[in-house]
């Protein structure tokens, strides 16, 4: 018989596997965004869009208690996305030379 801790860790492990798949999918889309931004000379940072996405996603939470933790999580996702866009834009620029 599993303990609650073991059950919880199994759930967390499964969610982590799903998050990896979603992360890869998101970063593929981020790559498309970076390419578009490069072609159209648009900066990486779009704070208005970030705020809109955050507000929309917070509304999907079933618990207000989780809101500050989700915001922390989401800001990490956005930071990773912007860093990857910056990396890709730098790479595209170097390739053009």
PDB file of N, CA and C in Angstrom:
ATOM      1  N   UNK A   1       0.840  -1.184   0.000  1.00  0.00           N
ATOM      2  CA  UNK A   1       0.000   0.000   0.000  1.00  0.00           C
ATOM      3  C   UNK A   1       0.890   1.254   0.000  1.00  0.00           C
ATOM      4  N   UNK A   2       0.554   2.197  -0.865  1.00  0.00           N
ATOM      5  CA  UNK A   2       1.326   3.431  -0.985  1.00  0.00           C
ATOM      6  C   UNK A   2       0.918   4.431   0.091  1.00  0.00           C
ATOM      7  N   UNK A   3       1.897   5.202   0.504  1.00  0.00           N
ATOM      8  CA  UNK A   3       1.597   6.290   1.428  1.00  0.00           C
ATOM      9  C   UNK A   3       1.059   7.479   0.628  1.00  0.00           C
ATOM     10  N   UNK A   4       0.478   8.430   1.318  1.00  0.00           N
ATOM     11  CA  UNK A   4       0.007   9.655   0.654  1.00  0.00           C
ATOM     12  C   UNK A   4       1.152  10.370  -0.039  1.00  0.00           C
ATOM     13  N   UNK A   5       2.323  10.350   0.598  1.00  0.00           N
ATOM     14  CA  UNK A   5       3.491  10.992   0.011  1.00  0.00           C
ATOM     15  C   UNK A   5       3.877  10.316  -1.306  1.00  0.00           C
ATOM     16  N   UNK A   6       3.884   9.008  -1.314  1.00  0.00           N
ATOM     17  CA  UNK A   6       4.219   8.268  -2.541  1.00  0.00           C
ATOM     18  C   UNK A   6       3.196   8.546  -3.653  1.00  0.00           C
ATOM     19  N   UNK A   7       1.927   8.567  -3.282  1.00  0.00           N
ATOM     20  CA  UNK A   7       0.876   8.878  -4.257  1.00  0.00           C
ATOM     21  C   UNK A   7       1.049  10.288  -4.814  1.00  0.00           C
ATOM     22  N   UNK A   8       1.308  11.222  -3.924  1.00  0.00           N
ATOM     23  CA  UNK A   8       1.491  12.614  -4.344  1.00  0.00           C
ATOM     24  C   UNK A   8       2.690  12.734  -5.282  1.00  0.00           C
ATOM     25  N   UNK A   9       3.771  12.053  -4.961  1.00  0.00           N
ATOM     26  CA  UNK A   9       4.967  12.124  -5.807  1.00  0.00           C
ATOM     27  C   UNK A   9       4.729  11.497  -7.171  1.00  0.00           C
ATOM     28  N   UNK A  10       3.935  10.451  -7.233  1.00  0.00           N
ATOM     29  CA  UNK A  10       3.594   9.856  -8.526  1.00  0.00           C
ATOM     30  C   UNK A  10       2.810  10.850  -9.378  1.00  0.00           C
ATOM     31  N   UNK A  11       1.873  11.521  -8.751  1.00  0.00           N
ATOM     32  CA  UNK A  11       1.092  12.541  -9.472  1.00  0.00           C
ATOM     33  C   UNK A  11       2.019  13.655  -9.960  1.00  0.00           C
ATOM     34  N   UNK A  12       2.880  14.122  -9.086  1.00  0.00           N
ATOM     35  CA  UNK A  12       3.817  15.188  -9.458  1.00  0.00           C
ATOM     36  C   UNK A  12       4.713  14.745 -10.606  1.00  0.00           C
ATOM     37  N   UNK A  13       5.211  13.523 -10.560  1.00  0.00           N
ATOM     38  CA  UNK A  13       6.064  13.012 -11.637  1.00  0.00           C
ATOM     39  C   UNK A  13       5.321  12.991 -12.972  1.00  0.00           C
ATOM     40  N   UNK A  14       4.064  12.576 -12.942  1.00  0.00           N
ATOM     41  CA  UNK A  14       3.265  12.549 -14.172  1.00  0.00           C
ATOM     42  C   UNK A  14       3.018  13.962 -14.693  1.00  0.00           C
ATOM     43  N   UNK A  15       2.683  14.873 -13.806  1.00  0.00           N
ATOM     44  CA  UNK A  15       2.462  16.265 -14.208  1.00  0.00           C
ATOM     45  C   UNK A  15       3.753  16.849 -14.785  1.00  0.00           C
ATOM     46  N   UNK A  16       4.889  16.550 -14.167  1.00  0.00           N
ATOM     47  CA  UNK A  16       6.175  17.042 -14.679  1.00  0.00           C
ATOM     48  C   UNK A  16       6.435  16.537 -16.092  1.00  0.00           C
ATOM     49  N   UNK A  17       6.101  15.284 -16.374  1.00  0.00           N
ATOM     50  CA  UNK A  17       6.266  14.746 -17.736  1.00  0.00           C
ATOM     51  C   UNK A  17       5.367  15.505 -18.713  1.00  0.00           C
ATOM     52  N   UNK A  18       4.160  15.791 -18.286  1.00  0.00           N
ATOM     53  CA  UNK A  18       3.244  16.545 -19.148  1.00  0.00           C
ATOM     54  C   UNK A  18       3.749  17.974 -19.363  1.00  0.00           C
ATOM     55  N   UNK A  19       4.286  18.568 -18.305  1.00  0.00           N
ATOM     56  CA  UNK A  19       4.828  19.920 -18.424  1.00  0.00           C
ATOM     57  C   UNK A  19       5.985  19.979 -19.414  1.00  0.00           C
ATOM     58  N   UNK A  20       6.822  18.955 -19.436  1.00  0.00           N
ATOM     59  CA  UNK A  20       7.930  18.914 -20.395  1.00  0.00           C
ATOM     60  C   UNK A  20       7.389  18.945 -21.816  1.00  0.00           C
ATOM     61  N   UNK A  21       6.390  18.101 -22.095  1.00  0.00           N
ATOM     62  CA  UNK A  21       5.801  18.080 -23.435  1.00  0.00           C
ATOM     63  C   UNK A  21       5.206  19.440 -23.795  1.00  0.00           C
ATOM     64  N   UNK A  22       4.510  20.045 -22.852  1.00  0.00           N
ATOM     65  CA  UNK A  22       3.910  21.360 -23.097  1.00  0.00           C
ATOM     66  C   UNK A  22       4.972  22.443 -23.240  1.00  0.00           C
ATOM     67  N   UNK A  23       6.039  22.335 -22.474  1.00  0.00           N
ATOM     68  CA  UNK A  23       7.138  23.293 -22.568  1.00  0.00           C
ATOM     69  C   UNK A  23       7.766  23.247 -23.965  1.00  0.00           C
ATOM     70  N   UNK A  24       8.017  22.041 -24.458  1.00  0.00           N
ATOM     71  CA  UNK A  24       8.603  21.893 -25.792  1.00  0.00           C
ATOM     72  C   UNK A  24       7.665  22.480 -26.850  1.00  0.00           C
ATOM     73  N   UNK A  25       6.389  22.196 -26.719  1.00  0.00           N
ATOM     74  CA  UNK A  25       5.399  22.722 -27.660  1.00  0.00           C
ATOM     75  C   UNK A  25       5.344  24.251 -27.599  1.00  0.00           C
ATOM     76  N   UNK A  26       5.383  24.797 -26.377  1.00  0.00           N
ATOM     77  CA  UNK A  26       5.344  26.259 -26.219  1.00  0.00           C
ATOM     78  C   UNK A  26       6.582  26.902 -26.823  1.00  0.00           C
ATOM     79  N   UNK A  27       7.745  26.303 -26.586  1.00  0.00           N
ATOM     80  CA  UNK A  27       8.980  26.892 -27.095  1.00  0.00           C
ATOM     81  C   UNK A  27       9.056  26.804 -28.620  1.00  0.00           C
ATOM     82  N   UNK A  28       8.438  25.798 -29.213  1.00  0.00           N
ATOM     83  CA  UNK A  28       8.357  25.743 -30.674  1.00  0.00           C
ATOM     84  C   UNK A  28       7.540  26.925 -31.189  1.00  0.00           C
ATOM     85  N   UNK A  29       6.444  27.243 -30.494  1.00  0.00           N
ATOM     86  CA  UNK A  29       5.634  28.401 -30.868  1.00  0.00           C
ATOM     87  C   UNK A  29       6.409  29.694 -30.627  1.00  0.00           C
ATOM     88  N   UNK A  30       7.176  29.747 -29.552  1.00  0.00           N
ATOM     89  CA  UNK A  30       8.015  30.917 -29.256  1.00  0.00           C
ATOM     90  C   UNK A  30       9.021  31.135 -30.383  1.00  0.00           C
ATOM     91  N   UNK A  31       9.554  30.059 -30.916  1.00  0.00           N
ATOM     92  CA  UNK A  31      10.480  30.160 -32.047  1.00  0.00           C
ATOM     93  C   UNK A  31       9.797  30.804 -33.252  1.00  0.00           C
ATOM     94  N   UNK A  32       8.548  30.423 -33.493  1.00  0.00           N
ATOM     95  CA  UNK A  32       7.782  31.025 -34.591  1.00  0.00           C
ATOM     96  C   UNK A  32       7.567  32.512 -34.338  1.00  0.00           C
ATOM     97  N   UNK A  33       7.268  32.863 -33.092  1.00  0.00           N
ATOM     98  CA  UNK A  33       7.079  34.271 -32.721  1.00  0.00           C
ATOM     99  C   UNK A  33       8.381  35.043 -32.947  1.00  0.00           C
ATOM    100  N   UNK A  34       9.501  34.463 -32.525  1.00  0.00           N
ATOM    101  CA  UNK A  34      10.794  35.132 -32.695  1.00  0.00           C
ATOM    102  C   UNK A  34      11.093  35.377 -34.173  1.00  0.00           C
ATOM    103  N   UNK A  35      10.795  34.399 -34.992  1.00  0.00           N
ATOM    104  CA  UNK A  35      11.029  34.561 -36.432  1.00  0.00           C
ATOM    105  C   UNK A  35      10.170  35.696 -36.992  1.00  0.00           C
ATOM    106  N   UNK A  36       8.911  35.728 -36.604  1.00  0.00           N
ATOM    107  CA  UNK A  36       8.020  36.800 -37.054  1.00  0.00           C
ATOM    108  C   UNK A  36       8.525  38.162 -36.584  1.00  0.00           C
ATOM    109  N   UNK A  37       8.932  38.222 -35.309  1.00  0.00           N
ATOM    110  CA  UNK A  37       9.422  39.489 -34.765  1.00  0.00           C
ATOM    111  C   UNK A  37      10.683  39.942 -35.487  1.00  0.00           C
ATOM    112  N   UNK A  38      11.558  39.005 -35.841  1.00  0.00           N
ATOM    113  CA  UNK A  38      12.767  39.361 -36.559  1.00  0.00           C
ATOM    114  C   UNK A  38      12.406  39.920 -37.942  1.00  0.00           C
ATOM    115  N   UNK A  39      11.516  39.239 -38.636  1.00  0.00           N
ATOM    116  CA  UNK A  39      11.124  39.665 -39.981  1.00  0.00           C
ATOM    117  C   UNK A  39      10.424  41.018 -39.983  1.00  0.00           C
ATOM    118  N   UNK A  40       9.772  41.355 -38.888  1.00  0.00           N
ATOM    119  CA  UNK A  40       8.981  42.584 -38.815  1.00  0.00           C
ATOM    120  C   UNK A  40       9.557  43.626 -37.868  1.00  0.00           C
ATOM    121  N   UNK A  41      10.793  43.390 -37.427  1.00  0.00           N
ATOM    122  CA  UNK A  41      11.513  44.328 -36.558  1.00  0.00           C
ATOM    123  C   UNK A  41      10.676  44.732 -35.334  1.00  0.00           C
ATOM    124  N   UNK A  42      10.194  43.707 -34.621  1.00  0.00           N
ATOM    125  CA  UNK A  42       9.367  43.903 -33.426  1.00  0.00           C
ATOM    126  C   UNK A  42      10.214  43.478 -32.222  1.00  0.00           C
ATOM    127  N   UNK A  43      10.215  44.262 -31.150  1.00  0.00           N
ATOM    128  CA  UNK A  43      11.011  43.883 -29.975  1.00  0.00           C
ATOM    129  C   UNK A  43      10.451  42.645 -29.269  1.00  0.00           C
ATOM    130  N   UNK A  44      11.316  41.996 -28.524  1.00  0.00           N
ATOM    131  CA  UNK A  44      10.925  40.796 -27.784  1.00  0.00           C
ATOM    132  C   UNK A  44       9.860  41.134 -26.748  1.00  0.00           C
ATOM    133  N   UNK A  45      10.072  42.164 -25.985  1.00  0.00           N
ATOM    134  CA  UNK A  45       9.165  42.498 -24.881  1.00  0.00           C
ATOM    135  C   UNK A  45       7.868  43.106 -25.393  1.00  0.00           C
ATOM    136  N   UNK A  46       6.764  42.517 -24.984  1.00  0.00           N
ATOM    137  CA  UNK A  46       5.427  43.042 -25.255  1.00  0.00           C
ATOM    138  C   UNK A  46       4.662  42.966 -23.935  1.00  0.00           C
ATOM    139  N   UNK A  47       4.900  43.956 -23.077  1.00  0.00           N
ATOM    140  CA  UNK A  47       4.349  43.912 -21.720  1.00  0.00           C
ATOM    141  C   UNK A  47       2.824  43.949 -21.699  1.00  0.00           C
ATOM    142  N   UNK A  48       2.216  44.597 -22.685  1.00  0.00           N
ATOM    143  CA  UNK A  48       0.750  44.629 -22.740  1.00  0.00           C
ATOM    144  C   UNK A  48       0.215  43.219 -22.988  1.00  0.00           C
ATOM    145  N   UNK A  49       0.811  42.512 -23.922  1.00  0.00           N
ATOM    146  CA  UNK A  49       0.387  41.124 -24.204  1.00  0.00           C
ATOM    147  C   UNK A  49       0.614  40.239 -22.982  1.00  0.00           C
ATOM    148  N   UNK A  50       1.755  40.406 -22.326  1.00  0.00           N
ATOM    149  CA  UNK A  50       2.035  39.601 -21.124  1.00  0.00           C
ATOM    150  C   UNK A  50       0.950  39.797 -20.071  1.00  0.00           C
ATOM    151  N   UNK A  51       0.579  41.031 -19.856  1.00  0.00           N
ATOM    152  CA  UNK A  51      -0.449  41.342 -18.855  1.00  0.00           C
ATOM    153  C   UNK A  51      -1.794  40.738 -19.253  1.00  0.00           C
ATOM    154  N   UNK A  52      -2.135  40.840 -20.540  1.00  0.00           N
ATOM    155  CA  UNK A  52      -3.395  40.262 -21.021  1.00  0.00           C
ATOM    156  C   UNK A  52      -3.435  38.749 -20.802  1.00  0.00           C
ATOM    157  N   UNK A  53      -2.346  38.070 -21.145  1.00  0.00           N
ATOM    158  CA  UNK A  53      -2.294  36.616 -20.998  1.00  0.00           C
ATOM    159  C   UNK A  53      -2.405  36.235 -19.527  1.00  0.00           C
ATOM    160  N   UNK A  54      -1.658  36.943 -18.690  1.00  0.00           N
ATOM    161  CA  UNK A  54      -1.686  36.638 -17.257  1.00  0.00           C
ATOM    162  C   UNK A  54      -3.090  36.811 -16.692  1.00  0.00           C
ATOM    163  N   UNK A  55      -3.737  37.918 -17.016  1.00  0.00           N
ATOM    164  CA  UNK A  55      -5.088  38.168 -16.511  1.00  0.00           C
ATOM    165  C   UNK A  55      -6.067  37.101 -16.992  1.00  0.00           C
ATOM    166  N   UNK A  56      -5.973  36.748 -18.270  1.00  0.00           N
ATOM    167  CA  UNK A  56      -6.869  35.725 -18.827  1.00  0.00           C
ATOM    168  C   UNK A  56      -6.657  34.383 -18.129  1.00  0.00           C
ATOM    169  N   UNK A  57      -5.397  34.020 -17.930  1.00  0.00           N
ATOM    170  CA  UNK A  57      -5.098  32.726 -17.317  1.00  0.00           C
ATOM    171  C   UNK A  57      -5.469  32.690 -15.838  1.00  0.00           C
ATOM    172  N   UNK A  58      -5.285  33.774 -15.138  1.00  0.00           N
ATOM    173  CA  UNK A  58      -5.657  33.826 -13.721  1.00  0.00           C
ATOM    174  C   UNK A  58      -7.151  33.570 -13.566  1.00  0.00           C
ATOM    175  N   UNK A  59      -7.929  34.049 -14.514  1.00  0.00           N
ATOM    176  CA  UNK A  59      -9.377  33.832 -14.458  1.00  0.00           C
ATOM    177  C   UNK A  59      -9.735  32.350 -14.551  1.00  0.00           C
ATOM    178  N   UNK A  60      -8.848  31.542 -15.113  1.00  0.00           N
ATOM    179  CA  UNK A  60      -9.108  30.104 -15.266  1.00  0.00           C
ATOM    180  C   UNK A  60      -8.830  29.310 -13.997  1.00  0.00           C
ATOM    181  N   UNK A  61      -8.175  29.947 -13.029  1.00  0.00           N
ATOM    182  CA  UNK A  61      -7.870  29.247 -11.781  1.00  0.00           C
ATOM    183  C   UNK A  61      -9.143  28.947 -11.003  1.00  0.00           C
ATOM    184  N   UNK A  62      -9.187  27.761 -10.437  1.00  0.00           N
ATOM    185  CA  UNK A  62     -10.359  27.392  -9.645  1.00  0.00           C
ATOM    186  C   UNK A  62     -10.250  27.867  -8.196  1.00  0.00           C
ATOM    187  N   UNK A  63      -9.061  28.361  -7.834  1.00  0.00           N
ATOM    188  CA  UNK A  63      -8.847  28.794  -6.457  1.00  0.00           C
ATOM    189  C   UNK A  63      -8.047  30.099  -6.429  1.00  0.00           C
ATOM    190  N   UNK A  64      -8.607  31.113  -5.796  1.00  0.00           N
ATOM    191  CA  UNK A  64      -7.908  32.401  -5.656  1.00  0.00           C
ATOM    192  C   UNK A  64      -6.653  32.250  -4.797  1.00  0.00           C
ATOM    193  N   UNK A  65      -6.637  31.255  -3.928  1.00  0.00           N
ATOM    194  CA  UNK A  65      -5.474  31.019  -3.069  1.00  0.00           C
ATOM    195  C   UNK A  65      -4.244  30.723  -3.924  1.00  0.00           C
ATOM    196  N   UNK A  66      -4.447  30.084  -5.067  1.00  0.00           N
ATOM    197  CA  UNK A  66      -3.327  29.707  -5.938  1.00  0.00           C
ATOM    198  C   UNK A  66      -2.820  30.857  -6.811  1.00  0.00           C
ATOM    199  N   UNK A  67      -3.560  31.954  -6.867  1.00  0.00           N
ATOM    200  CA  UNK A  67      -3.223  33.048  -7.781  1.00  0.00           C
ATOM    201  C   UNK A  67      -1.785  33.547  -7.659  1.00  0.00           C
ATOM    202  N   UNK A  68      -1.286  33.894  -6.476  1.00  0.00           N
ATOM    203  CA  UNK A  68       0.096  34.411  -6.424  1.00  0.00           C
ATOM    204  C   UNK A  68       1.131  33.370  -6.838  1.00  0.00           C
ATOM    205  N   UNK A  69       0.829  32.111  -6.603  1.00  0.00           N
ATOM    206  CA  UNK A  69       1.766  31.047  -6.974  1.00  0.00           C
ATOM    207  C   UNK A  69       1.747  30.813  -8.479  1.00  0.00           C
ATOM    208  N   UNK A  70       0.548  30.934  -9.063  1.00  0.00           N
ATOM    209  CA  UNK A  70       0.452  30.819 -10.515  1.00  0.00           C
ATOM    210  C   UNK A  70       1.198  31.974 -11.176  1.00  0.00           C
ATOM    211  N   UNK A  71       1.030  33.177 -10.649  1.00  0.00           N
ATOM    212  CA  UNK A  71       1.698  34.350 -11.232  1.00  0.00           C
ATOM    213  C   UNK A  71       3.209  34.153 -11.195  1.00  0.00           C
ATOM    214  N   UNK A  72       3.732  33.661 -10.100  1.00  0.00           N
ATOM    215  CA  UNK A  72       5.170  33.367 -10.007  1.00  0.00           C
ATOM    216  C   UNK A  72       5.574  32.350 -11.065  1.00  0.00           C
ATOM    217  N   UNK A  73       4.802  31.276 -11.180  1.00  0.00           N
ATOM    218  CA  UNK A  73       5.053  30.233 -12.176  1.00  0.00           C
ATOM    219  C   UNK A  73       5.009  30.822 -13.581  1.00  0.00           C
ATOM    220  N   UNK A  74       3.977  31.591 -13.875  1.00  0.00           N
ATOM    221  CA  UNK A  74       3.784  32.128 -15.215  1.00  0.00           C
ATOM    222  C   UNK A  74       4.874  33.127 -15.588  1.00  0.00           C
ATOM    223  N   UNK A  75       5.294  33.936 -14.631  1.00  0.00           N
ATOM    224  CA  UNK A  75       6.381  34.876 -14.915  1.00  0.00           C
ATOM    225  C   UNK A  75       7.661  34.127 -15.277  1.00  0.00           C
ATOM    226  N   UNK A  76       7.886  32.984 -14.643  1.00  0.00           N
ATOM    227  CA  UNK A  76       9.033  32.157 -15.002  1.00  0.00           C
ATOM    228  C   UNK A  76       8.922  31.646 -16.430  1.00  0.00           C
ATOM    229  N   UNK A  77       7.724  31.247 -16.827  1.00  0.00           N
ATOM    230  CA  UNK A  77       7.488  30.790 -18.197  1.00  0.00           C
ATOM    231  C   UNK A  77       7.758  31.931 -19.180  1.00  0.00           C
ATOM    232  N   UNK A  78       7.237  33.109 -18.869  1.00  0.00           N
ATOM    233  CA  UNK A  78       7.454  34.261 -19.747  1.00  0.00           C
ATOM    234  C   UNK A  78       8.930  34.640 -19.817  1.00  0.00           C
ATOM    235  N   UNK A  79       9.617  34.609 -18.686  1.00  0.00           N
ATOM    236  CA  UNK A  79      11.051  34.926 -18.682  1.00  0.00           C
ATOM    237  C   UNK A  79      11.830  33.948 -19.554  1.00  0.00           C
ATOM    238  N   UNK A  80      11.500  32.661 -19.462  1.00  0.00           N
ATOM    239  CA  UNK A  80      12.168  31.656 -20.295  1.00  0.00           C
ATOM    240  C   UNK A  80      11.849  31.899 -21.769  1.00  0.00           C
ATOM    241  N   UNK A  81      10.612  32.228 -22.060  1.00  0.00           N
ATOM    242  CA  UNK A  81      10.211  32.489 -23.446  1.00  0.00           C
ATOM    243  C   UNK A  81      10.941  33.695 -24.022  1.00  0.00           C
ATOM    244  N   UNK A  82      11.031  34.764 -23.239  1.00  0.00           N
ATOM    245  CA  UNK A  82      11.734  35.966 -23.717  1.00  0.00           C
ATOM    246  C   UNK A  82      13.224  35.701 -23.887  1.00  0.00           C
ATOM    247  N   UNK A  83      13.798  34.948 -22.971  1.00  0.00           N
ATOM    248  CA  UNK A  83      15.223  34.616 -23.084  1.00  0.00           C
ATOM    249  C   UNK A  83      15.472  33.787 -24.339  1.00  0.00           C
ATOM    250  N   UNK A  84      14.597  32.845 -24.619  1.00  0.00           N
ATOM    251  CA  UNK A  84      14.741  32.017 -25.813  1.00  0.00           C
ATOM    252  C   UNK A  84      14.560  32.855 -27.077  1.00  0.00           C
ATOM    253  N   UNK A  85      13.586  33.757 -27.070  1.00  0.00           N
ATOM    254  CA  UNK A  85      13.410  34.657 -28.214  1.00  0.00           C
ATOM    255  C   UNK A  85      14.664  35.490 -28.446  1.00  0.00           C
ATOM    256  N   UNK A  86      15.219  36.022 -27.377  1.00  0.00           N
ATOM    257  CA  UNK A  86      16.431  36.839 -27.491  1.00  0.00           C
ATOM    258  C   UNK A  86      17.572  36.013 -28.067  1.00  0.00           C
ATOM    259  N   UNK A  87      17.729  34.794 -27.562  1.00  0.00           N
ATOM    260  CA  UNK A  87      18.751  33.886 -28.087  1.00  0.00           C
ATOM    261  C   UNK A  87      18.542  33.653 -29.585  1.00  0.00           C
ATOM    262  N   UNK A  88      17.297  33.357 -29.985  1.00  0.00           N
ATOM    263  CA  UNK A  88      17.014  33.084 -31.391  1.00  0.00           C
ATOM    264  C   UNK A  88      17.238  34.313 -32.269  1.00  0.00           C
ATOM    265  N   UNK A  89      16.821  35.465 -31.797  1.00  0.00           N
ATOM    266  CA  UNK A  89      17.023  36.695 -32.573  1.00  0.00           C
ATOM    267  C   UNK A  89      18.504  36.990 -32.752  1.00  0.00           C
ATOM    268  N   UNK A  90      19.297  36.783 -31.703  1.00  0.00           N
ATOM    269  CA  UNK A  90      20.743  36.959 -31.817  1.00  0.00           C
ATOM    270  C   UNK A  90      21.327  35.972 -32.823  1.00  0.00           C
ATOM    271  N   UNK A  91      20.860  34.734 -32.761  1.00  0.00           N
ATOM    272  CA  UNK A  91      21.330  33.694 -33.685  1.00  0.00           C
ATOM    273  C   UNK A  91      20.949  34.054 -35.128  1.00  0.00           C
ATOM    274  N   UNK A  92      19.722  34.499 -35.344  1.00  0.00           N
ATOM    275  CA  UNK A  92      19.287  34.887 -36.685  1.00  0.00           C
ATOM    276  C   UNK A  92      20.141  36.039 -37.214  1.00  0.00           C
ATOM    277  N   UNK A  93      20.413  37.003 -36.348  1.00  0.00           N
ATOM    278  CA  UNK A  93      21.238  38.157 -36.750  1.00  0.00           C
ATOM    279  C   UNK A  93      22.638  37.718 -37.165  1.00  0.00           C
ATOM    280  N   UNK A  94      23.241  36.837 -36.388  1.00  0.00           N
ATOM    281  CA  UNK A  94      24.588  36.340 -36.708  1.00  0.00           C
ATOM    282  C   UNK A  94      24.591  35.570 -38.023  1.00  0.00           C
ATOM    283  N   UNK A  95      23.534  34.812 -38.271  1.00  0.00           N
ATOM    284  CA  UNK A  95      23.441  34.027 -39.510  1.00  0.00           C
ATOM    285  C   UNK A  95      23.288  34.911 -40.734  1.00  0.00           C
ATOM    286  N   UNK A  96      22.672  36.086 -40.565  1.00  0.00           N
ATOM    287  CA  UNK A  96      22.487  37.007 -41.672  1.00  0.00           C
ATOM    288  C   UNK A  96      23.813  37.620 -42.117  1.00  0.00           C
ATOM    289  N   UNK A  97      24.766  37.695 -41.216  1.00  0.00           N
ATOM    290  CA  UNK A  97      26.057  38.340 -41.527  1.00  0.00           C
ATOM    291  C   UNK A  97      26.962  37.447 -42.296  1.00  0.00           C
TER     292      UNK A  97
END
